[in-house]
Structures are given as structure tokens and as C-alpha cells.
């Protein structure tokens, strides 16, 4: 099971980071932290589900939107849900 520690963050805008990861089931996650993301100004992360083409999807049992204001532990929990879709 992939966790927050498996994310490889890259620079995002002038003040943030982002990572994308794909899972064995074909889904993936996009994780962002910046002044433009939900919770980023407080050092928290935002996660979105990616479909099998690597595009954002709002059509899963995980969420119908992005999920913001997450700690690294909560990012791992959300990643676990995505990996069992």
C-alpha cells in the first residue's frame, strides 16, 4: 500500500509542492500544498482522485470533489481508499 512517504513532491507555483502517483488499480492521486490549495496556507494538503487516464475524476466513492485541509496522515488514509477502488 502506497503512503504519503511514497510521494515525490515537485515545486508548484512560487510557494508550493505537488505530487502525482498512480496505483495498481489504475486510479491515482494528485496531492498539492500551496497558498492556492485548500489548507495550504496552514501547511496542509489537498488531494484529488485521478482516473485511469491520469485526469481528475469526481466520479468515485472516495469523493465528488477535491479534499482539502489534510495532514500527511490523512493524505495516507485517503490514498488507501483510492487504492481499493
PDB file of N, CA and C in Angstrom:
ATOM      1  N   UNK A   1       0.849  -1.182   0.000  1.00  0.00           N
ATOM      2  CA  UNK A   1       0.000   0.000   0.000  1.00  0.00           C
ATOM      3  C   UNK A   1       0.891   1.241   0.000  1.00  0.00           C
ATOM      4  N   UNK A   2       0.649   2.126  -0.943  1.00  0.00           N
ATOM      5  CA  UNK A   2       1.407   3.377  -1.040  1.00  0.00           C
ATOM      6  C   UNK A   2       0.919   4.361   0.028  1.00  0.00           C
ATOM      7  N   UNK A   3       1.859   5.157   0.562  1.00  0.00           N
ATOM      8  CA  UNK A   3       1.539   6.121   1.606  1.00  0.00           C
ATOM      9  C   UNK A   3       2.109   7.496   1.245  1.00  0.00           C
ATOM     10  N   UNK A   4       1.880   8.457   2.116  1.00  0.00           N
ATOM     11  CA  UNK A   4       2.407   9.803   1.930  1.00  0.00           C
ATOM     12  C   UNK A   4       3.911   9.777   1.694  1.00  0.00           C
ATOM     13  N   UNK A   5       4.609   8.875   2.366  1.00  0.00           N
ATOM     14  CA  UNK A   5       6.069   8.791   2.227  1.00  0.00           C
ATOM     15  C   UNK A   5       6.508   8.387   0.828  1.00  0.00           C
ATOM     16  N   UNK A   6       5.606   7.790   0.039  1.00  0.00           N
ATOM     17  CA  UNK A   6       5.931   7.381  -1.328  1.00  0.00           C
ATOM     18  C   UNK A   6       5.774   8.514  -2.342  1.00  0.00           C
ATOM     19  N   UNK A   7       5.205   9.631  -1.925  1.00  0.00           N
ATOM     20  CA  UNK A   7       5.001  10.755  -2.830  1.00  0.00           C
ATOM     21  C   UNK A   7       6.318  11.468  -3.100  1.00  0.00           C
ATOM     22  N   UNK A   8       6.537  11.816  -4.351  1.00  0.00           N
ATOM     23  CA  UNK A   8       7.733  12.561  -4.745  1.00  0.00           C
ATOM     24  C   UNK A   8       7.281  13.962  -5.160  1.00  0.00           C
ATOM     25  N   UNK A   9       7.466  14.901  -4.255  1.00  0.00           N
ATOM     26  CA  UNK A   9       6.981  16.254  -4.477  1.00  0.00           C
ATOM     27  C   UNK A   9       7.907  17.053  -5.378  1.00  0.00           C
ATOM     28  N   UNK A  10       7.287  17.862  -6.222  1.00  0.00           N
ATOM     29  CA  UNK A  10       7.975  18.781  -7.121  1.00  0.00           C
ATOM     30  C   UNK A  10       7.495  20.195  -6.812  1.00  0.00           C
ATOM     31  N   UNK A  11       8.269  21.212  -7.194  1.00  0.00           N
ATOM     32  CA  UNK A  11       7.824  22.591  -6.969  1.00  0.00           C
ATOM     33  C   UNK A  11       6.520  22.878  -7.703  1.00  0.00           C
ATOM     34  N   UNK A  12       5.684  23.704  -7.075  1.00  0.00           N
ATOM     35  CA  UNK A  12       4.379  24.062  -7.640  1.00  0.00           C
ATOM     36  C   UNK A  12       4.149  25.539  -7.386  1.00  0.00           C
ATOM     37  N   UNK A  13       3.955  26.299  -8.424  1.00  0.00           N
ATOM     38  CA  UNK A  13       3.850  27.758  -8.332  1.00  0.00           C
ATOM     39  C   UNK A  13       5.077  28.286  -7.595  1.00  0.00           C
ATOM     40  N   UNK A  14       4.965  29.426  -6.995  1.00  0.00           N
ATOM     41  CA  UNK A  14       6.145  30.018  -6.351  1.00  0.00           C
ATOM     42  C   UNK A  14       6.320  29.567  -4.911  1.00  0.00           C
ATOM     43  N   UNK A  15       5.281  28.960  -4.334  1.00  0.00           N
ATOM     44  CA  UNK A  15       5.358  28.670  -2.901  1.00  0.00           C
ATOM     45  C   UNK A  15       4.858  27.280  -2.521  1.00  0.00           C
ATOM     46  N   UNK A  16       4.710  26.391  -3.474  1.00  0.00           N
ATOM     47  CA  UNK A  16       4.091  25.115  -3.140  1.00  0.00           C
ATOM     48  C   UNK A  16       4.809  23.909  -3.694  1.00  0.00           C
ATOM     49  N   UNK A  17       4.182  22.765  -3.450  1.00  0.00           N
ATOM     50  CA  UNK A  17       4.668  21.484  -3.954  1.00  0.00           C
ATOM     51  C   UNK A  17       3.474  20.670  -4.443  1.00  0.00           C
ATOM     52  N   UNK A  18       3.749  19.745  -5.347  1.00  0.00           N
ATOM     53  CA  UNK A  18       2.707  18.818  -5.776  1.00  0.00           C
ATOM     54  C   UNK A  18       3.335  17.465  -6.091  1.00  0.00           C
ATOM     55  N   UNK A  19       2.493  16.438  -6.036  1.00  0.00           N
ATOM     56  CA  UNK A  19       2.916  15.088  -6.401  1.00  0.00           C
ATOM     57  C   UNK A  19       1.740  14.386  -7.060  1.00  0.00           C
ATOM     58  N   UNK A  20       2.055  13.518  -7.993  1.00  0.00           N
ATOM     59  CA  UNK A  20       1.050  12.653  -8.626  1.00  0.00           C
ATOM     60  C   UNK A  20       1.554  11.233  -8.481  1.00  0.00           C
ATOM     61  N   UNK A  21       0.646  10.322  -8.179  1.00  0.00           N
ATOM     62  CA  UNK A  21       1.007   8.923  -8.037  1.00  0.00           C
ATOM     63  C   UNK A  21      -0.120   8.070  -8.606  1.00  0.00           C
ATOM     64  N   UNK A  22       0.238   7.031  -9.326  1.00  0.00           N
ATOM     65  CA  UNK A  22      -0.752   6.104  -9.862  1.00  0.00           C
ATOM     66  C   UNK A  22      -0.631   4.782  -9.103  1.00  0.00           C
ATOM     67  N   UNK A  23      -1.767   4.113  -8.955  1.00  0.00           N
ATOM     68  CA  UNK A  23      -1.815   2.868  -8.192  1.00  0.00           C
ATOM     69  C   UNK A  23      -2.084   1.673  -9.101  1.00  0.00           C
ATOM     70  N   UNK A  24      -1.876   0.488  -8.572  1.00  0.00           N
ATOM     71  CA  UNK A  24      -2.038  -0.741  -9.352  1.00  0.00           C
ATOM     72  C   UNK A  24      -3.446  -0.907  -9.910  1.00  0.00           C
ATOM     73  N   UNK A  25      -4.447  -0.347  -9.241  1.00  0.00           N
ATOM     74  CA  UNK A  25      -5.828  -0.496  -9.705  1.00  0.00           C
ATOM     75  C   UNK A  25      -6.174   0.465 -10.846  1.00  0.00           C
ATOM     76  N   UNK A  26      -5.218   1.282 -11.260  1.00  0.00           N
ATOM     77  CA  UNK A  26      -5.440   2.199 -12.368  1.00  0.00           C
ATOM     78  C   UNK A  26      -5.809   3.612 -11.946  1.00  0.00           C
ATOM     79  N   UNK A  27      -6.248   3.779 -10.717  1.00  0.00           N
ATOM     80  CA  UNK A  27      -6.549   5.114 -10.206  1.00  0.00           C
ATOM     81  C   UNK A  27      -5.276   5.754  -9.657  1.00  0.00           C
ATOM     82  N   UNK A  28      -5.361   7.040  -9.367  1.00  0.00           N
ATOM     83  CA  UNK A  28      -4.207   7.728  -8.820  1.00  0.00           C
ATOM     84  C   UNK A  28      -4.639   8.867  -7.925  1.00  0.00           C
ATOM     85  N   UNK A  29      -3.642   9.617  -7.461  1.00  0.00           N
ATOM     86  CA  UNK A  29      -3.896  10.756  -6.590  1.00  0.00           C
ATOM     87  C   UNK A  29      -3.001  11.914  -6.996  1.00  0.00           C
ATOM     88  N   UNK A  30      -3.559  13.098  -6.890  1.00  0.00           N
ATOM     89  CA  UNK A  30      -2.819  14.338  -7.056  1.00  0.00           C
ATOM     90  C   UNK A  30      -2.846  15.030  -5.706  1.00  0.00           C
ATOM     91  N   UNK A  31      -1.664  15.343  -5.174  1.00  0.00           N
ATOM     92  CA  UNK A  31      -1.561  15.950  -3.853  1.00  0.00           C
ATOM     93  C   UNK A  31      -0.844  17.287  -4.006  1.00  0.00           C
ATOM     94  N   UNK A  32      -1.456  18.344  -3.455  1.00  0.00           N
ATOM     95  CA  UNK A  32      -0.943  19.697  -3.613  1.00  0.00           C
ATOM     96  C   UNK A  32      -0.911  20.399  -2.261  1.00  0.00           C
ATOM     97  N   UNK A  33       0.116  21.228  -2.088  1.00  0.00           N
ATOM     98  CA  UNK A  33       0.154  22.158  -0.957  1.00  0.00           C
ATOM     99  C   UNK A  33       0.727  23.465  -1.471  1.00  0.00           C
ATOM    100  N   UNK A  34      -0.095  24.517  -1.459  1.00  0.00           N
ATOM    101  CA  UNK A  34       0.345  25.851  -1.868  1.00  0.00           C
ATOM    102  C   UNK A  34      -0.627  26.867  -1.287  1.00  0.00           C
ATOM    103  N   UNK A  35      -0.313  28.122  -1.476  1.00  0.00           N
ATOM    104  CA  UNK A  35      -1.221  29.159  -0.978  1.00  0.00           C
ATOM    105  C   UNK A  35      -2.550  29.151  -1.732  1.00  0.00           C
ATOM    106  N   UNK A  36      -2.621  28.439  -2.857  1.00  0.00           N
ATOM    107  CA  UNK A  36      -3.844  28.357  -3.648  1.00  0.00           C
ATOM    108  C   UNK A  36      -4.669  27.110  -3.345  1.00  0.00           C
ATOM    109  N   UNK A  37      -4.136  26.153  -2.589  1.00  0.00           N
ATOM    110  CA  UNK A  37      -4.858  24.912  -2.301  1.00  0.00           C
ATOM    111  C   UNK A  37      -5.598  25.017  -0.968  1.00  0.00           C
ATOM    112  N   UNK A  38      -6.602  24.172  -0.806  1.00  0.00           N
ATOM    113  CA  UNK A  38      -7.385  24.150   0.428  1.00  0.00           C
ATOM    114  C   UNK A  38      -6.515  23.686   1.587  1.00  0.00           C
ATOM    115  N   UNK A  39      -6.216  24.604   2.502  1.00  0.00           N
ATOM    116  CA  UNK A  39      -5.395  24.292   3.665  1.00  0.00           C
ATOM    117  C   UNK A  39      -3.930  24.605   3.496  1.00  0.00           C
ATOM    118  N   UNK A  40      -3.510  24.933   2.295  1.00  0.00           N
ATOM    119  CA  UNK A  40      -2.096  25.158   2.016  1.00  0.00           C
ATOM    120  C   UNK A  40      -1.471  26.263   2.843  1.00  0.00           C
ATOM    121  N   UNK A  41      -2.230  27.316   3.085  1.00  0.00           N
ATOM    122  CA  UNK A  41      -1.698  28.427   3.887  1.00  0.00           C
ATOM    123  C   UNK A  41      -1.416  28.013   5.325  1.00  0.00           C
ATOM    124  N   UNK A  42      -2.021  26.901   5.741  1.00  0.00           N
ATOM    125  CA  UNK A  42      -1.801  26.378   7.089  1.00  0.00           C
ATOM    126  C   UNK A  42      -0.880  25.162   7.091  1.00  0.00           C
ATOM    127  N   UNK A  43      -0.203  24.911   5.963  1.00  0.00           N
ATOM    128  CA  UNK A  43       0.723  23.783   5.871  1.00  0.00           C
ATOM    129  C   UNK A  43       0.046  22.447   5.642  1.00  0.00           C
ATOM    130  N   UNK A  44      -1.218  22.483   5.227  1.00  0.00           N
ATOM    131  CA  UNK A  44      -1.972  21.248   4.996  1.00  0.00           C
ATOM    132  C   UNK A  44      -2.090  20.972   3.500  1.00  0.00           C
ATOM    133  N   UNK A  45      -2.540  19.779   3.153  1.00  0.00           N
ATOM    134  CA  UNK A  45      -2.553  19.297   1.777  1.00  0.00           C
ATOM    135  C   UNK A  45      -3.968  19.162   1.238  1.00  0.00           C
ATOM    136  N   UNK A  46      -4.041  19.126  -0.084  1.00  0.00           N
ATOM    137  CA  UNK A  46      -5.278  18.888  -0.826  1.00  0.00           C
ATOM    138  C   UNK A  46      -5.032  17.670  -1.709  1.00  0.00           C
ATOM    139  N   UNK A  47      -6.016  16.782  -1.807  1.00  0.00           N
ATOM    140  CA  UNK A  47      -5.870  15.586  -2.639  1.00  0.00           C
ATOM    141  C   UNK A  47      -7.052  15.479  -3.593  1.00  0.00           C
ATOM    142  N   UNK A  48      -6.777  14.997  -4.783  1.00  0.00           N
ATOM    143  CA  UNK A  48      -7.808  14.727  -5.779  1.00  0.00           C
ATOM    144  C   UNK A  48      -7.578  13.332  -6.339  1.00  0.00           C
ATOM    145  N   UNK A  49      -8.653  12.681  -6.746  1.00  0.00           N
ATOM    146  CA  UNK A  49      -8.572  11.353  -7.347  1.00  0.00           C
ATOM    147  C   UNK A  49      -8.316  11.495  -8.840  1.00  0.00           C
ATOM    148  N   UNK A  50      -7.426  10.664  -9.355  1.00  0.00           N
ATOM    149  CA  UNK A  50      -7.133  10.620 -10.789  1.00  0.00           C
ATOM    150  C   UNK A  50      -7.728   9.351 -11.384  1.00  0.00           C
ATOM    151  N   UNK A  51      -8.278   9.462 -12.591  1.00  0.00           N
ATOM    152  CA  UNK A  51      -8.818   8.281 -13.263  1.00  0.00           C
ATOM    153  C   UNK A  51      -7.703   7.520 -13.975  1.00  0.00           C
ATOM    154  N   UNK A  52      -8.070   6.518 -14.727  1.00  0.00           N
ATOM    155  CA  UNK A  52      -7.081   5.656 -15.375  1.00  0.00           C
ATOM    156  C   UNK A  52      -6.282   6.378 -16.457  1.00  0.00           C
ATOM    157  N   UNK A  53      -6.756   7.555 -16.895  1.00  0.00           N
ATOM    158  CA  UNK A  53      -6.018   8.366 -17.860  1.00  0.00           C
ATOM    159  C   UNK A  53      -5.175   9.433 -17.172  1.00  0.00           C
ATOM    160  N   UNK A  54      -5.172   9.434 -15.832  1.00  0.00           N
ATOM    161  CA  UNK A  54      -4.406  10.422 -15.088  1.00  0.00           C
ATOM    162  C   UNK A  54      -5.087  11.776 -14.987  1.00  0.00           C
ATOM    163  N   UNK A  55      -6.378  11.822 -15.313  1.00  0.00           N
ATOM    164  CA  UNK A  55      -7.161  13.058 -15.249  1.00  0.00           C
ATOM    165  C   UNK A  55      -7.964  13.086 -13.952  1.00  0.00           C
ATOM    166  N   UNK A  56      -8.251  14.285 -13.465  1.00  0.00           N
ATOM    167  CA  UNK A  56      -9.078  14.407 -12.265  1.00  0.00           C
ATOM    168  C   UNK A  56     -10.438  13.781 -12.514  1.00  0.00           C
ATOM    169  N   UNK A  57     -10.939  13.045 -11.523  1.00  0.00           N
ATOM    170  CA  UNK A  57     -12.277  12.482 -11.611  1.00  0.00           C
ATOM    171  C   UNK A  57     -13.027  12.797 -10.325  1.00  0.00           C
ATOM    172  N   UNK A  58     -14.279  13.117 -10.492  1.00  0.00           N
ATOM    173  CA  UNK A  58     -15.139  13.418  -9.345  1.00  0.00           C
ATOM    174  C   UNK A  58     -16.247  12.373  -9.273  1.00  0.00           C
ATOM    175  N   UNK A  59     -15.970  11.212  -9.833  1.00  0.00           N
ATOM    176  CA  UNK A  59     -16.967  10.164 -10.012  1.00  0.00           C
ATOM    177  C   UNK A  59     -16.610   8.888  -9.256  1.00  0.00           C
ATOM    178  N   UNK A  60     -16.126   8.990  -8.035  1.00  0.00           N
ATOM    179  CA  UNK A  60     -15.755   7.795  -7.274  1.00  0.00           C
ATOM    180  C   UNK A  60     -16.440   7.814  -5.911  1.00  0.00           C
ATOM    181  N   UNK A  61     -16.360   6.687  -5.217  1.00  0.00           N
ATOM    182  CA  UNK A  61     -16.905   6.603  -3.861  1.00  0.00           C
ATOM    183  C   UNK A  61     -16.031   7.357  -2.861  1.00  0.00           C
ATOM    184  N   UNK A  62     -14.840   7.761  -3.258  1.00  0.00           N
ATOM    185  CA  UNK A  62     -13.942   8.480  -2.351  1.00  0.00           C
ATOM    186  C   UNK A  62     -14.439   9.901  -2.145  1.00  0.00           C
ATOM    187  N   UNK A  63     -14.721  10.607  -3.234  1.00  0.00           N
ATOM    188  CA  UNK A  63     -15.189  11.986  -3.146  1.00  0.00           C
ATOM    189  C   UNK A  63     -15.734  12.444  -4.480  1.00  0.00           C
ATOM    190  N   UNK A  64     -16.560  13.480  -4.449  1.00  0.00           N
ATOM    191  CA  UNK A  64     -17.051  14.086  -5.691  1.00  0.00           C
ATOM    192  C   UNK A  64     -16.422  15.456  -5.901  1.00  0.00           C
ATOM    193  N   UNK A  65     -15.284  15.691  -5.232  1.00  0.00           N
ATOM    194  CA  UNK A  65     -14.561  16.962  -5.315  1.00  0.00           C
ATOM    195  C   UNK A  65     -13.136  16.703  -4.837  1.00  0.00           C
ATOM    196  N   UNK A  66     -12.338  17.746  -4.712  1.00  0.00           N
ATOM    197  CA  UNK A  66     -11.045  17.595  -4.048  1.00  0.00           C
ATOM    198  C   UNK A  66     -11.298  17.579  -2.542  1.00  0.00           C
ATOM    199  N   UNK A  67     -10.345  17.047  -1.795  1.00  0.00           N
ATOM    200  CA  UNK A  67     -10.442  17.030  -0.336  1.00  0.00           C
ATOM    201  C   UNK A  67      -9.276  17.849   0.193  1.00  0.00           C
ATOM    202  N   UNK A  68      -9.560  18.881   0.936  1.00  0.00           N
ATOM    203  CA  UNK A  68      -8.522  19.770   1.424  1.00  0.00           C
ATOM    204  C   UNK A  68      -8.342  19.711   2.923  1.00  0.00           C
ATOM    205  N   UNK A  69      -7.378  20.497   3.396  1.00  0.00           N
ATOM    206  CA  UNK A  69      -7.089  20.647   4.833  1.00  0.00           C
ATOM    207  C   UNK A  69      -6.665  19.314   5.459  1.00  0.00           C
ATOM    208  N   UNK A  70      -5.810  18.568   4.760  1.00  0.00           N
ATOM    209  CA  UNK A  70      -5.383  17.242   5.220  1.00  0.00           C
ATOM    210  C   UNK A  70      -3.958  17.247   5.753  1.00  0.00           C
ATOM    211  N   UNK A  71      -3.755  16.519   6.840  1.00  0.00           N
ATOM    212  CA  UNK A  71      -2.415  16.256   7.353  1.00  0.00           C
ATOM    213  C   UNK A  71      -1.800  15.148   6.499  1.00  0.00           C
ATOM    214  N   UNK A  72      -0.488  14.925   6.602  1.00  0.00           N
ATOM    215  CA  UNK A  72       0.101  13.795   5.877  1.00  0.00           C
ATOM    216  C   UNK A  72      -0.571  12.457   6.222  1.00  0.00           C
ATOM    217  N   UNK A  73      -0.957  12.272   7.471  1.00  0.00           N
ATOM    218  CA  UNK A  73      -1.623  11.027   7.871  1.00  0.00           C
ATOM    219  C   UNK A  73      -2.976  10.897   7.177  1.00  0.00           C
ATOM    220  N   UNK A  74      -3.699  11.996   7.057  1.00  0.00           N
ATOM    221  CA  UNK A  74      -4.992  11.963   6.380  1.00  0.00           C
ATOM    222  C   UNK A  74      -4.838  11.765   4.879  1.00  0.00           C
ATOM    223  N   UNK A  75      -3.754  12.273   4.308  1.00  0.00           N
ATOM    224  CA  UNK A  75      -3.460  12.008   2.896  1.00  0.00           C
ATOM    225  C   UNK A  75      -3.260  10.507   2.708  1.00  0.00           C
ATOM    226  N   UNK A  76      -2.505   9.875   3.600  1.00  0.00           N
ATOM    227  CA  UNK A  76      -2.289   8.423   3.521  1.00  0.00           C
ATOM    228  C   UNK A  76      -3.611   7.676   3.615  1.00  0.00           C
ATOM    229  N   UNK A  77      -4.492   8.079   4.526  1.00  0.00           N
ATOM    230  CA  UNK A  77      -5.800   7.425   4.668  1.00  0.00           C
ATOM    231  C   UNK A  77      -6.603   7.545   3.379  1.00  0.00           C
ATOM    232  N   UNK A  78      -6.600   8.710   2.777  1.00  0.00           N
ATOM    233  CA  UNK A  78      -7.346   8.913   1.537  1.00  0.00           C
ATOM    234  C   UNK A  78      -6.723   8.110   0.402  1.00  0.00           C
ATOM    235  N   UNK A  79      -5.399   8.067   0.354  1.00  0.00           N
ATOM    236  CA  UNK A  79      -4.726   7.249  -0.655  1.00  0.00           C
ATOM    237  C   UNK A  79      -5.126   5.781  -0.515  1.00  0.00           C
ATOM    238  N   UNK A  80      -5.282   5.315   0.714  1.00  0.00           N
ATOM    239  CA  UNK A  80      -5.686   3.909   0.944  1.00  0.00           C
ATOM    240  C   UNK A  80      -7.061   3.650   0.351  1.00  0.00           C
ATOM    241  N   UNK A  81      -8.005   4.584   0.523  1.00  0.00           N
ATOM    242  CA  UNK A  81      -9.334   4.437  -0.056  1.00  0.00           C
ATOM    243  C   UNK A  81      -9.263   4.379  -1.583  1.00  0.00           C
ATOM    244  N   UNK A  82      -8.431   5.217  -2.171  1.00  0.00           N
ATOM    245  CA  UNK A  82      -8.299   5.251  -3.632  1.00  0.00           C
ATOM    246  C   UNK A  82      -7.731   3.928  -4.136  1.00  0.00           C
ATOM    247  N   UNK A  83      -6.798   3.362  -3.391  1.00  0.00           N
ATOM    248  CA  UNK A  83      -6.130   2.127  -3.845  1.00  0.00           C
ATOM    249  C   UNK A  83      -7.034   0.911  -3.814  1.00  0.00           C
ATOM    250  N   UNK A  84      -8.162   0.984  -3.128  1.00  0.00           N
ATOM    251  CA  UNK A  84      -9.073  -0.171  -3.101  1.00  0.00           C
ATOM    252  C   UNK A  84     -10.334   0.058  -3.926  1.00  0.00           C
ATOM    253  N   UNK A  85     -10.344   1.117  -4.740  1.00  0.00           N
ATOM    254  CA  UNK A  85     -11.490   1.335  -5.633  1.00  0.00           C
ATOM    255  C   UNK A  85     -11.610   0.197  -6.627  1.00  0.00           C
TER     256      UNK A  85
END
